[in-house]
Amino acid sequence: MNINEIMDTVKGLVGEGKLEEAQTFIKDHKNDLGDYYDKAKDLIDGNSSSLLDKAKDLFN
């Protein structure tokens, strides 16, 4: 899987409210994500005001 595919999967899981699955998926692909690992974690960790804002911030 490439980074875009991984991040699309994470966004999809978060959008469906499957946060635990998203966390596991991120951990399983930590090495593949490289610099994007922290951005993927931020989708789940609550660093933004809403899940939608987190998803938007991911690619900015």
PDB file of N, CA and C in Angstrom:
ATOM      1  N   MET A   1       0.844  -1.196   0.000  1.00  0.00           N
ATOM      2  CA  MET A   1       0.000   0.000   0.000  1.00  0.00           C
ATOM      3  C   MET A   1       0.880   1.247   0.000  1.00  0.00           C
ATOM      4  N   ASN A   2       0.455   2.233  -0.751  1.00  0.00           N
ATOM      5  CA  ASN A   2       1.192   3.485  -0.718  1.00  0.00           C
ATOM      6  C   ASN A   2       0.559   4.418   0.332  1.00  0.00           C
ATOM      7  N   ILE A   3       1.196   5.533   0.561  1.00  0.00           N
ATOM      8  CA  ILE A   3       0.744   6.463   1.607  1.00  0.00           C
ATOM      9  C   ILE A   3      -0.677   6.946   1.345  1.00  0.00           C
ATOM     10  N   ASN A   4      -0.991   7.269   0.109  1.00  0.00           N
ATOM     11  CA  ASN A   4      -2.343   7.764  -0.206  1.00  0.00           C
ATOM     12  C   ASN A   4      -3.403   6.723   0.104  1.00  0.00           C
ATOM     13  N   GLU A   5      -3.133   5.471  -0.225  1.00  0.00           N
ATOM     14  CA  GLU A   5      -4.090   4.401   0.061  1.00  0.00           C
ATOM     15  C   GLU A   5      -4.271   4.210   1.564  1.00  0.00           C
ATOM     16  N   ILE A   6      -3.167   4.272   2.283  1.00  0.00           N
ATOM     17  CA  ILE A   6      -3.232   4.124   3.742  1.00  0.00           C
ATOM     18  C   ILE A   6      -4.037   5.254   4.356  1.00  0.00           C
ATOM     19  N   MET A   7      -3.740   6.492   3.934  1.00  0.00           N
ATOM     20  CA  MET A   7      -4.427   7.645   4.507  1.00  0.00           C
ATOM     21  C   MET A   7      -5.906   7.642   4.122  1.00  0.00           C
ATOM     22  N   ASP A   8      -6.237   7.202   2.925  1.00  0.00           N
ATOM     23  CA  ASP A   8      -7.641   7.102   2.526  1.00  0.00           C
ATOM     24  C   ASP A   8      -8.378   6.096   3.403  1.00  0.00           C
ATOM     25  N   THR A   9      -7.712   4.999   3.707  1.00  0.00           N
ATOM     26  CA  THR A   9      -8.314   3.985   4.579  1.00  0.00           C
ATOM     27  C   THR A   9      -8.523   4.548   5.978  1.00  0.00           C
ATOM     28  N   VAL A  10      -7.527   5.262   6.494  1.00  0.00           N
ATOM     29  CA  VAL A  10      -7.639   5.866   7.830  1.00  0.00           C
ATOM     30  C   VAL A  10      -8.784   6.867   7.851  1.00  0.00           C
ATOM     31  N   LYS A  11      -8.852   7.735   6.845  1.00  0.00           N
ATOM     32  CA  LYS A  11      -9.940   8.722   6.785  1.00  0.00           C
ATOM     33  C   LYS A  11     -11.290   8.031   6.730  1.00  0.00           C
ATOM     34  N   GLY A  12     -11.376   6.953   5.967  1.00  0.00           N
ATOM     35  CA  GLY A  12     -12.624   6.210   5.863  1.00  0.00           C
ATOM     36  C   GLY A  12     -13.030   5.610   7.200  1.00  0.00           C
ATOM     37  N   LEU A  13     -12.079   4.998   7.894  1.00  0.00           N
ATOM     38  CA  LEU A  13     -12.376   4.403   9.197  1.00  0.00           C
ATOM     39  C   LEU A  13     -12.805   5.461  10.201  1.00  0.00           C
ATOM     40  N   VAL A  14     -12.104   6.587  10.220  1.00  0.00           N
ATOM     41  CA  VAL A  14     -12.452   7.677  11.142  1.00  0.00           C
ATOM     42  C   VAL A  14     -13.830   8.221  10.801  1.00  0.00           C
ATOM     43  N   GLY A  15     -14.089   8.403   9.521  1.00  0.00           N
ATOM     44  CA  GLY A  15     -15.390   8.902   9.083  1.00  0.00           C
ATOM     45  C   GLY A  15     -16.535   7.987   9.474  1.00  0.00           C
ATOM     46  N   GLU A  16     -16.261   6.696   9.554  1.00  0.00           N
ATOM     47  CA  GLU A  16     -17.277   5.720   9.956  1.00  0.00           C
ATOM     48  C   GLU A  16     -17.348   5.554  11.478  1.00  0.00           C
ATOM     49  N   GLY A  17     -16.490   6.299  12.198  1.00  0.00           N
ATOM     50  CA  GLY A  17     -16.486   6.221  13.648  1.00  0.00           C
ATOM     51  C   GLY A  17     -15.752   5.007  14.194  1.00  0.00           C
ATOM     52  N   LYS A  18     -14.954   4.372  13.367  1.00  0.00           N
ATOM     53  CA  LYS A  18     -14.205   3.171  13.773  1.00  0.00           C
ATOM     54  C   LYS A  18     -12.801   3.581  14.225  1.00  0.00           C
ATOM     55  N   LEU A  19     -12.751   4.297  15.345  1.00  0.00           N
ATOM     56  CA  LEU A  19     -11.488   4.864  15.797  1.00  0.00           C
ATOM     57  C   LEU A  19     -10.495   3.807  16.247  1.00  0.00           C
ATOM     58  N   GLU A  20     -10.965   2.768  16.932  1.00  0.00           N
ATOM     59  CA  GLU A  20     -10.050   1.723  17.384  1.00  0.00           C
ATOM     60  C   GLU A  20      -9.438   0.982  16.196  1.00  0.00           C
ATOM     61  N   GLU A  21     -10.251   0.709  15.193  1.00  0.00           N
ATOM     62  CA  GLU A  21      -9.739   0.055  13.983  1.00  0.00           C
ATOM     63  C   GLU A  21      -8.737   0.955  13.273  1.00  0.00           C
ATOM     64  N   ALA A  22      -9.022   2.245  13.251  1.00  0.00           N
ATOM     65  CA  ALA A  22      -8.106   3.195  12.618  1.00  0.00           C
ATOM     66  C   ALA A  22      -6.777   3.227  13.361  1.00  0.00           C
ATOM     67  N   GLN A  23      -6.817   3.216  14.689  1.00  0.00           N
ATOM     68  CA  GLN A  23      -5.588   3.212  15.483  1.00  0.00           C
ATOM     69  C   GLN A  23      -4.754   1.976  15.186  1.00  0.00           C
ATOM     70  N   THR A  24      -5.399   0.835  15.151  1.00  0.00           N
ATOM     71  CA  THR A  24      -4.699  -0.412  14.862  1.00  0.00           C
ATOM     72  C   THR A  24      -4.096  -0.384  13.462  1.00  0.00           C
ATOM     73  N   PHE A  25      -4.863   0.108  12.507  1.00  0.00           N
ATOM     74  CA  PHE A  25      -4.408   0.195  11.123  1.00  0.00           C
ATOM     75  C   PHE A  25      -3.177   1.097  11.023  1.00  0.00           C
ATOM     76  N   ILE A  26      -3.216   2.230  11.712  1.00  0.00           N
ATOM     77  CA  ILE A  26      -2.088   3.164  11.695  1.00  0.00           C
ATOM     78  C   ILE A  26      -0.851   2.504  12.293  1.00  0.00           C
ATOM     79  N   LYS A  27      -1.018   1.832  13.414  1.00  0.00           N
ATOM     80  CA  LYS A  27       0.120   1.155  14.049  1.00  0.00           C
ATOM     81  C   LYS A  27       0.695   0.081  13.133  1.00  0.00           C
ATOM     82  N   ASP A  28      -0.183  -0.650  12.455  1.00  0.00           N
ATOM     83  CA  ASP A  28       0.266  -1.714  11.550  1.00  0.00           C
ATOM     84  C   ASP A  28       1.042  -1.167  10.354  1.00  0.00           C
ATOM     85  N   HIS A  29       0.780   0.083   9.976  1.00  0.00           N
ATOM     86  CA  HIS A  29       1.413   0.682   8.800  1.00  0.00           C
ATOM     87  C   HIS A  29       2.359   1.831   9.155  1.00  0.00           C
ATOM     88  N   LYS A  30       2.819   1.849  10.390  1.00  0.00           N
ATOM     89  CA  LYS A  30       3.675   2.939  10.868  1.00  0.00           C
ATOM     90  C   LYS A  30       4.896   3.133   9.966  1.00  0.00           C
ATOM     91  N   ASN A  31       5.570   2.056   9.625  1.00  0.00           N
ATOM     92  CA  ASN A  31       6.773   2.171   8.786  1.00  0.00           C
ATOM     93  C   ASN A  31       6.445   2.661   7.385  1.00  0.00           C
ATOM     94  N   ASP A  32       5.309   2.257   6.861  1.00  0.00           N
ATOM     95  CA  ASP A  32       4.899   2.695   5.525  1.00  0.00           C
ATOM     96  C   ASP A  32       4.548   4.177   5.497  1.00  0.00           C
ATOM     97  N   LEU A  33       4.035   4.695   6.607  1.00  0.00           N
ATOM     98  CA  LEU A  33       3.588   6.081   6.666  1.00  0.00           C
ATOM     99  C   LEU A  33       4.740   7.078   6.773  1.00  0.00           C
ATOM    100  N   GLY A  34       5.815   6.693   7.380  1.00  0.00           N
ATOM    101  CA  GLY A  34       6.944   7.609   7.542  1.00  0.00           C
ATOM    102  C   GLY A  34       6.521   8.899   8.228  1.00  0.00           C
ATOM    103  N   ASP A  35       6.746  10.040   7.552  1.00  0.00           N
ATOM    104  CA  ASP A  35       6.429  11.358   8.113  1.00  0.00           C
ATOM    105  C   ASP A  35       4.928  11.569   8.309  1.00  0.00           C
ATOM    106  N   TYR A  36       4.114  10.788   7.637  1.00  0.00           N
ATOM    107  CA  TYR A  36       2.666  10.933   7.749  1.00  0.00           C
ATOM    108  C   TYR A  36       2.086  10.226   8.966  1.00  0.00           C
ATOM    109  N   TYR A  37       2.909   9.476   9.692  1.00  0.00           N
ATOM    110  CA  TYR A  37       2.439   8.742  10.858  1.00  0.00           C
ATOM    111  C   TYR A  37       1.790   9.684  11.878  1.00  0.00           C
ATOM    112  N   ASP A  38       2.461  10.782  12.203  1.00  0.00           N
ATOM    113  CA  ASP A  38       1.911  11.730  13.181  1.00  0.00           C
ATOM    114  C   ASP A  38       0.626  12.372  12.679  1.00  0.00           C
ATOM    115  N   LYS A  39       0.555  12.667  11.392  1.00  0.00           N
ATOM    116  CA  LYS A  39      -0.673  13.248  10.843  1.00  0.00           C
ATOM    117  C   LYS A  39      -1.820  12.252  10.930  1.00  0.00           C
ATOM    118  N   ALA A  40      -1.520  10.995  10.668  1.00  0.00           N
ATOM    119  CA  ALA A  40      -2.548   9.963  10.766  1.00  0.00           C
ATOM    120  C   ALA A  40      -3.016   9.815  12.206  1.00  0.00           C
ATOM    121  N   LYS A  41      -2.089   9.846  13.155  1.00  0.00           N
ATOM    122  CA  LYS A  41      -2.449   9.760  14.570  1.00  0.00           C
ATOM    123  C   LYS A  41      -3.303  10.950  14.993  1.00  0.00           C
ATOM    124  N   ASP A  42      -3.003  12.117  14.464  1.00  0.00           N
ATOM    125  CA  ASP A  42      -3.753  13.324  14.817  1.00  0.00           C
ATOM    126  C   ASP A  42      -5.221  13.224  14.417  1.00  0.00           C
ATOM    127  N   LEU A  43      -5.511  12.428  13.407  1.00  0.00           N
ATOM    128  CA  LEU A  43      -6.905  12.224  13.015  1.00  0.00           C
ATOM    129  C   LEU A  43      -7.711  11.616  14.157  1.00  0.00           C
ATOM    130  N   ILE A  44      -7.047  10.867  14.987  1.00  0.00           N
ATOM    131  CA  ILE A  44      -7.724  10.117  16.038  1.00  0.00           C
ATOM    132  C   ILE A  44      -7.549  10.753  17.412  1.00  0.00           C
ATOM    133  N   ASP A  45      -6.423  11.383  17.648  1.00  0.00           N
ATOM    134  CA  ASP A  45      -6.046  11.829  18.990  1.00  0.00           C
ATOM    135  C   ASP A  45      -6.815  13.017  19.548  1.00  0.00           C
ATOM    136  N   GLY A  46      -7.598  13.702  18.740  1.00  0.00           N
ATOM    137  CA  GLY A  46      -8.385  14.813  19.261  1.00  0.00           C
ATOM    138  C   GLY A  46      -7.653  16.139  19.288  1.00  0.00           C
ATOM    139  N   ASN A  47      -6.677  16.321  18.416  1.00  0.00           N
ATOM    140  CA  ASN A  47      -5.933  17.571  18.392  1.00  0.00           C
ATOM    141  C   ASN A  47      -6.672  18.683  17.662  1.00  0.00           C
ATOM    142  N   SER A  48      -7.734  18.359  16.922  1.00  0.00           N
ATOM    143  CA  SER A  48      -8.551  19.355  16.235  1.00  0.00           C
ATOM    144  C   SER A  48      -9.951  19.331  16.822  1.00  0.00           C
ATOM    145  N   SER A  49     -10.761  20.275  16.453  1.00  0.00           N
ATOM    146  CA  SER A  49     -12.077  20.403  17.063  1.00  0.00           C
ATOM    147  C   SER A  49     -13.077  19.360  16.592  1.00  0.00           C
ATOM    148  N   SER A  50     -12.889  18.815  15.400  1.00  0.00           N
ATOM    149  CA  SER A  50     -13.826  17.806  14.915  1.00  0.00           C
ATOM    150  C   SER A  50     -13.116  16.865  13.957  1.00  0.00           C
ATOM    151  N   LEU A  51     -13.714  15.722  13.710  1.00  0.00           N
ATOM    152  CA  LEU A  51     -13.126  14.762  12.787  1.00  0.00           C
ATOM    153  C   LEU A  51     -13.025  15.331  11.383  1.00  0.00           C
ATOM    154  N   LEU A  52     -14.000  16.109  10.972  1.00  0.00           N
ATOM    155  CA  LEU A  52     -13.969  16.700   9.637  1.00  0.00           C
ATOM    156  C   LEU A  52     -12.803  17.666   9.502  1.00  0.00           C
ATOM    157  N   ASP A  53     -12.583  18.493  10.525  1.00  0.00           N
ATOM    158  CA  ASP A  53     -11.451  19.415  10.495  1.00  0.00           C
ATOM    159  C   ASP A  53     -10.139  18.647  10.404  1.00  0.00           C
ATOM    160  N   LYS A  54     -10.043  17.539  11.131  1.00  0.00           N
ATOM    161  CA  LYS A  54      -8.827  16.730  11.099  1.00  0.00           C
ATOM    162  C   LYS A  54      -8.587  16.186   9.708  1.00  0.00           C
ATOM    163  N   ALA A  55      -9.632  15.700   9.080  1.00  0.00           N
ATOM    164  CA  ALA A  55      -9.488  15.150   7.738  1.00  0.00           C
ATOM    165  C   ALA A  55      -9.064  16.238   6.744  1.00  0.00           C
ATOM    166  N   LYS A  56      -9.622  17.427   6.877  1.00  0.00           N
ATOM    167  CA  LYS A  56      -9.249  18.539   5.998  1.00  0.00           C
ATOM    168  C   LYS A  56      -7.796  18.945   6.218  1.00  0.00           C
ATOM    169  N   ASP A  57      -7.369  18.993   7.489  1.00  0.00           N
ATOM    170  CA  ASP A  57      -6.015  19.417   7.829  1.00  0.00           C
ATOM    171  C   ASP A  57      -4.967  18.432   7.333  1.00  0.00           C
ATOM    172  N   LEU A  58      -5.348  17.199   7.161  1.00  0.00           N
ATOM    173  CA  LEU A  58      -4.406  16.167   6.793  1.00  0.00           C
ATOM    174  C   LEU A  58      -3.668  16.484   5.509  1.00  0.00           C
ATOM    175  N   PHE A  59      -4.365  17.037   4.533  1.00  0.00           N
ATOM    176  CA  PHE A  59      -3.749  17.280   3.242  1.00  0.00           C
ATOM    177  C   PHE A  59      -3.430  18.745   2.982  1.00  0.00           C
ATOM    178  N   ASN A  60      -3.437  19.542   4.005  1.00  0.00           N
ATOM    179  CA  ASN A  60      -3.061  20.964   3.864  1.00  0.00           C
ATOM    180  C   ASN A  60      -1.631  21.175   4.247  1.00  0.00           C
TER     181      ASN A  60
END
